[in-house]
Amino acid sequence: MNENQFSSLLTLIVPPVIQKITQNSNISEEKAITAFYCSKLYHELSVEDSKLWHYGPAMLYSMYQDELITGSYDYPEEA
Protein backbone atom coordinates (compact mmCIF):
# COMPACT_ATOMS: atom_id res chain seq x y z
CA MET A 1 0.00 0.00 0.00
CA ASN A 2 1.43 3.41 -0.88
CA GLU A 3 1.57 6.40 1.49
CA ASN A 4 -1.54 8.09 0.03
CA GLN A 5 -3.58 4.91 0.34
CA PHE A 6 -2.47 4.43 3.93
CA SER A 7 -3.26 8.05 4.83
CA SER A 8 -6.71 7.62 3.29
CA LEU A 9 -7.23 4.46 5.29
CA LEU A 10 -6.36 6.28 8.53
CA THR A 11 -8.94 8.97 7.75
CA LEU A 12 -11.54 6.20 7.67
CA ILE A 13 -10.35 4.38 10.80
CA VAL A 14 -9.72 7.22 13.26
CA PRO A 15 -13.10 9.09 13.32
CA PRO A 16 -15.12 6.09 14.59
CA VAL A 17 -12.55 5.56 17.36
CA ILE A 18 -12.81 9.24 18.35
CA GLN A 19 -16.59 8.90 18.32
CA LYS A 20 -16.41 5.93 20.70
CA ILE A 21 -14.11 7.88 23.01
CA THR A 22 -16.52 10.84 23.17
CA GLN A 23 -19.56 8.57 23.59
CA ASN A 24 -18.00 6.63 26.46
CA SER A 25 -16.06 9.40 28.21
CA ASN A 26 -17.00 12.72 29.70
CA ILE A 27 -14.73 14.74 27.40
CA SER A 28 -15.27 16.93 24.37
CA GLU A 29 -14.52 15.77 20.86
CA GLU A 30 -11.57 18.18 20.73
CA LYS A 31 -10.05 16.66 23.89
CA ALA A 32 -10.74 13.15 22.61
CA ILE A 33 -8.94 13.92 19.36
CA THR A 34 -5.96 15.39 21.18
CA ALA A 35 -5.78 12.49 23.63
CA PHE A 36 -6.00 9.86 20.90
CA TYR A 37 -3.42 11.53 18.68
CA CYS A 38 -1.05 11.74 21.66
CA SER A 39 -1.48 8.07 22.56
CA LYS A 40 1.03 5.31 21.97
CA LEU A 41 -1.72 3.44 20.15
CA TYR A 42 -2.17 6.18 17.55
CA HIS A 43 1.57 6.51 17.14
CA GLU A 44 1.79 2.81 16.36
CA LEU A 45 -1.42 2.83 14.28
CA SER A 46 0.09 5.53 12.07
CA VAL A 47 2.93 3.15 11.13
CA GLU A 48 1.68 0.88 8.37
CA ASP A 49 3.99 -1.98 9.33
CA SER A 50 2.34 -2.27 12.75
CA LYS A 51 -0.72 -3.75 11.01
CA LEU A 52 -2.97 -2.18 13.68
CA TRP A 53 -4.99 -0.63 10.88
CA HIS A 54 -6.68 -3.93 10.16
CA TYR A 55 -8.48 -3.92 13.53
CA GLY A 56 -11.93 -2.35 13.68
CA PRO A 57 -12.88 0.75 15.66
CA ALA A 58 -14.29 -1.27 18.58
CA MET A 59 -11.03 -3.20 19.01
CA LEU A 60 -8.90 -0.07 18.63
CA TYR A 61 -11.07 1.71 21.21
CA SER A 62 -10.62 -1.23 23.59
CA MET A 63 -6.87 -1.12 23.09
CA TYR A 64 -6.92 2.64 23.68
CA GLN A 65 -8.83 2.12 26.94
CA ASP A 66 -6.26 -0.49 28.02
CA GLU A 67 -3.50 2.02 27.34
CA LEU A 68 -5.26 4.65 29.45
CA ILE A 69 -5.75 2.27 32.36
CA THR A 70 -2.51 0.29 32.31
CA GLY A 71 -0.17 2.36 30.16
CA SER A 72 0.04 -0.39 27.55
CA TYR A 73 -2.10 -2.69 25.42
CA ASP A 74 -1.87 -6.15 24.00
CA TYR A 75 -2.41 -7.16 20.41
CA PRO A 76 -5.58 -9.28 20.27
CA GLU A 77 -5.30 -12.83 19.03
CA GLU A 78 -6.98 -13.37 15.72
CA ALA A 79 -9.48 -16.19 15.33
C-alpha atoms as a PDB file:
ATOM      1  CA  MET A   1       0.000   0.000   0.000  1.00  0.00           C
ATOM      2  CA  ASN A   2       1.427   3.413  -0.878  1.00  0.00           C
ATOM      3  CA  GLU A   3       1.567   6.404   1.487  1.00  0.00           C
ATOM      4  CA  ASN A   4      -1.538   8.090   0.032  1.00  0.00           C
ATOM      5  CA  GLN A   5      -3.583   4.907   0.338  1.00  0.00           C
ATOM      6  CA  PHE A   6      -2.468   4.427   3.930  1.00  0.00           C
ATOM      7  CA  SER A   7      -3.265   8.052   4.828  1.00  0.00           C
ATOM      8  CA  SER A   8      -6.711   7.620   3.294  1.00  0.00           C
ATOM      9  CA  LEU A   9      -7.232   4.460   5.294  1.00  0.00           C
ATOM     10  CA  LEU A  10      -6.362   6.282   8.534  1.00  0.00           C
ATOM     11  CA  THR A  11      -8.935   8.973   7.747  1.00  0.00           C
ATOM     12  CA  LEU A  12     -11.541   6.201   7.674  1.00  0.00           C
ATOM     13  CA  ILE A  13     -10.354   4.376  10.803  1.00  0.00           C
ATOM     14  CA  VAL A  14      -9.722   7.224  13.256  1.00  0.00           C
ATOM     15  CA  PRO A  15     -13.096   9.087  13.321  1.00  0.00           C
ATOM     16  CA  PRO A  16     -15.123   6.093  14.591  1.00  0.00           C
ATOM     17  CA  VAL A  17     -12.552   5.555  17.356  1.00  0.00           C
ATOM     18  CA  ILE A  18     -12.810   9.240  18.348  1.00  0.00           C
ATOM     19  CA  GLN A  19     -16.591   8.901  18.317  1.00  0.00           C
ATOM     20  CA  LYS A  20     -16.408   5.928  20.701  1.00  0.00           C
ATOM     21  CA  ILE A  21     -14.115   7.883  23.010  1.00  0.00           C
ATOM     22  CA  THR A  22     -16.517  10.843  23.168  1.00  0.00           C
ATOM     23  CA  GLN A  23     -19.563   8.568  23.593  1.00  0.00           C
ATOM     24  CA  ASN A  24     -18.004   6.630  26.465  1.00  0.00           C
ATOM     25  CA  SER A  25     -16.064   9.398  28.213  1.00  0.00           C
ATOM     26  CA  ASN A  26     -17.000  12.718  29.699  1.00  0.00           C
ATOM     27  CA  ILE A  27     -14.729  14.740  27.403  1.00  0.00           C
ATOM     28  CA  SER A  28     -15.275  16.931  24.373  1.00  0.00           C
ATOM     29  CA  GLU A  29     -14.525  15.768  20.862  1.00  0.00           C
ATOM     30  CA  GLU A  30     -11.573  18.176  20.733  1.00  0.00           C
ATOM     31  CA  LYS A  31     -10.053  16.661  23.888  1.00  0.00           C
ATOM     32  CA  ALA A  32     -10.745  13.146  22.608  1.00  0.00           C
ATOM     33  CA  ILE A  33      -8.944  13.920  19.358  1.00  0.00           C
ATOM     34  CA  THR A  34      -5.962  15.392  21.175  1.00  0.00           C
ATOM     35  CA  ALA A  35      -5.780  12.490  23.632  1.00  0.00           C
ATOM     36  CA  PHE A  36      -6.003   9.863  20.903  1.00  0.00           C
ATOM     37  CA  TYR A  37      -3.424  11.532  18.679  1.00  0.00           C
ATOM     38  CA  CYS A  38      -1.051  11.743  21.657  1.00  0.00           C
ATOM     39  CA  SER A  39      -1.485   8.069  22.556  1.00  0.00           C
ATOM     40  CA  LYS A  40       1.027   5.306  21.974  1.00  0.00           C
ATOM     41  CA  LEU A  41      -1.718   3.440  20.145  1.00  0.00           C
ATOM     42  CA  TYR A  42      -2.173   6.175  17.548  1.00  0.00           C
ATOM     43  CA  HIS A  43       1.573   6.511  17.141  1.00  0.00           C
ATOM     44  CA  GLU A  44       1.790   2.810  16.365  1.00  0.00           C
ATOM     45  CA  LEU A  45      -1.425   2.835  14.279  1.00  0.00           C
ATOM     46  CA  SER A  46       0.086   5.526  12.070  1.00  0.00           C
ATOM     47  CA  VAL A  47       2.933   3.154  11.130  1.00  0.00           C
ATOM     48  CA  GLU A  48       1.683   0.883   8.365  1.00  0.00           C
ATOM     49  CA  ASP A  49       3.992  -1.984   9.329  1.00  0.00           C
ATOM     50  CA  SER A  50       2.338  -2.269  12.748  1.00  0.00           C
ATOM     51  CA  LYS A  51      -0.716  -3.746  11.007  1.00  0.00           C
ATOM     52  CA  LEU A  52      -2.966  -2.177  13.683  1.00  0.00           C
ATOM     53  CA  TRP A  53      -4.987  -0.628  10.878  1.00  0.00           C
ATOM     54  CA  HIS A  54      -6.682  -3.934  10.156  1.00  0.00           C
ATOM     55  CA  TYR A  55      -8.480  -3.921  13.534  1.00  0.00           C
ATOM     56  CA  GLY A  56     -11.929  -2.353  13.683  1.00  0.00           C
ATOM     57  CA  PRO A  57     -12.882   0.754  15.658  1.00  0.00           C
ATOM     58  CA  ALA A  58     -14.286  -1.269  18.583  1.00  0.00           C
ATOM     59  CA  MET A  59     -11.033  -3.199  19.011  1.00  0.00           C
ATOM     60  CA  LEU A  60      -8.896  -0.068  18.630  1.00  0.00           C
ATOM     61  CA  TYR A  61     -11.069   1.706  21.209  1.00  0.00           C
ATOM     62  CA  SER A  62     -10.624  -1.232  23.593  1.00  0.00           C
ATOM     63  CA  MET A  63      -6.872  -1.123  23.090  1.00  0.00           C
ATOM     64  CA  TYR A  64      -6.917   2.644  23.683  1.00  0.00           C
ATOM     65  CA  GLN A  65      -8.827   2.118  26.944  1.00  0.00           C
ATOM     66  CA  ASP A  66      -6.261  -0.493  28.016  1.00  0.00           C
ATOM     67  CA  GLU A  67      -3.498   2.023  27.335  1.00  0.00           C
ATOM     68  CA  LEU A  68      -5.255   4.652  29.446  1.00  0.00           C
ATOM     69  CA  ILE A  69      -5.753   2.266  32.361  1.00  0.00           C
ATOM     70  CA  THR A  70      -2.513   0.290  32.306  1.00  0.00           C
ATOM     71  CA  GLY A  71      -0.173   2.357  30.164  1.00  0.00           C
ATOM     72  CA  SER A  72       0.036  -0.392  27.551  1.00  0.00           C
ATOM     73  CA  TYR A  73      -2.102  -2.690  25.416  1.00  0.00           C
ATOM     74  CA  ASP A  74      -1.866  -6.152  24.000  1.00  0.00           C
ATOM     75  CA  TYR A  75      -2.412  -7.160  20.414  1.00  0.00           C
ATOM     76  CA  PRO A  76      -5.579  -9.275  20.267  1.00  0.00           C
ATOM     77  CA  GLU A  77      -5.296 -12.831  19.035  1.00  0.00           C
ATOM     78  CA  GLU A  78      -6.978 -13.372  15.718  1.00  0.00           C
ATOM     79  CA  ALA A  79      -9.478 -16.195  15.334  1.00  0.00           C
END
